Amino acid sequence: MASTIDKVRALFKDTEAEQEYQPVESDPNDEYVRRPVLVIPDSIEEPFSWFEYSIFILLGIAMLWAW
């Protein structure tokens, strides 16, 4: 006699052990595919702006107030 837990396990048991996908074949033209290159700009330090800082503070307060 099967217990209830065995019946539940049978519902979720994978009956098909085969994979449902096919592996991707490697393309012989892969070496010619252009891949993105990370370009890091020279470090340019922008001066701290109290004006921009205060605008973002006011926007943050306004969003919290509206919430």
Protein backbone atom coordinates (compact mmCIF):
# COMPACT_ATOMS: atom_id res chain seq x y z
CA MET A 1 0.00 0.00 0.00
CA ALA A 2 1.52 3.31 -1.10
CA SER A 3 1.48 6.15 1.37
CA THR A 4 0.27 9.62 0.52
CA ILE A 5 3.80 10.98 0.40
CA ASP A 6 4.78 8.32 -2.16
CA LYS A 7 1.85 9.38 -4.35
CA VAL A 8 2.92 13.02 -4.13
CA ARG A 9 6.53 12.11 -4.99
CA ALA A 10 5.30 10.13 -7.98
CA LEU A 11 3.49 13.24 -9.26
CA PHE A 12 6.67 15.31 -9.24
CA LYS A 13 9.07 12.57 -10.30
CA ASP A 14 10.75 13.09 -13.65
CA THR A 15 9.60 10.14 -15.70
CA GLU A 16 11.80 10.96 -18.67
CA ALA A 17 15.50 10.93 -17.87
CA GLU A 18 16.41 12.31 -21.32
CA GLN A 19 17.41 15.92 -21.70
CA GLU A 20 14.83 18.10 -23.39
CA TYR A 21 17.37 20.21 -25.25
CA GLN A 22 20.03 19.73 -27.83
CA PRO A 23 23.57 21.01 -27.31
CA VAL A 24 24.51 23.91 -29.53
CA GLU A 25 26.85 22.93 -32.31
CA SER A 26 29.95 25.07 -32.60
CA ASP A 27 29.95 27.14 -35.75
CA PRO A 28 33.17 27.10 -37.80
CA ASN A 29 32.71 30.86 -38.36
CA ASP A 30 32.84 31.56 -34.61
CA GLU A 31 36.35 32.97 -34.90
CA TYR A 32 35.02 35.70 -37.18
CA VAL A 33 32.25 36.77 -34.82
CA ARG A 34 32.85 40.25 -33.52
CA ARG A 35 32.68 40.34 -29.77
CA PRO A 36 32.29 43.50 -27.69
CA VAL A 37 35.42 44.95 -26.16
CA LEU A 38 35.34 46.69 -22.82
CA VAL A 39 36.74 50.19 -23.24
CA ILE A 40 37.68 51.89 -20.02
CA PRO A 41 38.03 55.63 -20.46
CA ASP A 42 40.85 57.53 -18.83
CA SER A 43 39.88 58.38 -15.29
CA ILE A 44 38.54 61.91 -15.42
CA GLU A 45 37.62 63.19 -12.00
CA GLU A 46 34.64 65.52 -12.05
CA PRO A 47 34.52 68.02 -9.21
CA PHE A 48 31.89 67.53 -6.53
CA SER A 49 28.83 69.67 -7.19
CA TRP A 50 26.78 70.78 -4.24
CA PHE A 51 24.13 72.03 -6.68
CA GLU A 52 23.59 68.56 -8.23
CA TYR A 53 23.79 66.93 -4.81
CA SER A 54 21.07 69.20 -3.44
CA ILE A 55 18.81 68.53 -6.47
CA PHE A 56 19.05 64.76 -5.91
CA ILE A 57 18.41 65.19 -2.20
CA LEU A 58 15.28 67.23 -2.94
CA LEU A 59 14.11 64.65 -5.48
CA GLY A 60 14.63 61.86 -2.98
CA ILE A 61 12.71 63.70 -0.30
CA ALA A 62 9.89 64.44 -2.76
CA MET A 63 9.65 60.77 -3.77
CA LEU A 64 9.54 59.64 -0.15
CA TRP A 65 6.97 62.33 0.68
CA ALA A 66 4.73 61.22 -2.22
CA TRP A 67 5.01 57.60 -1.18
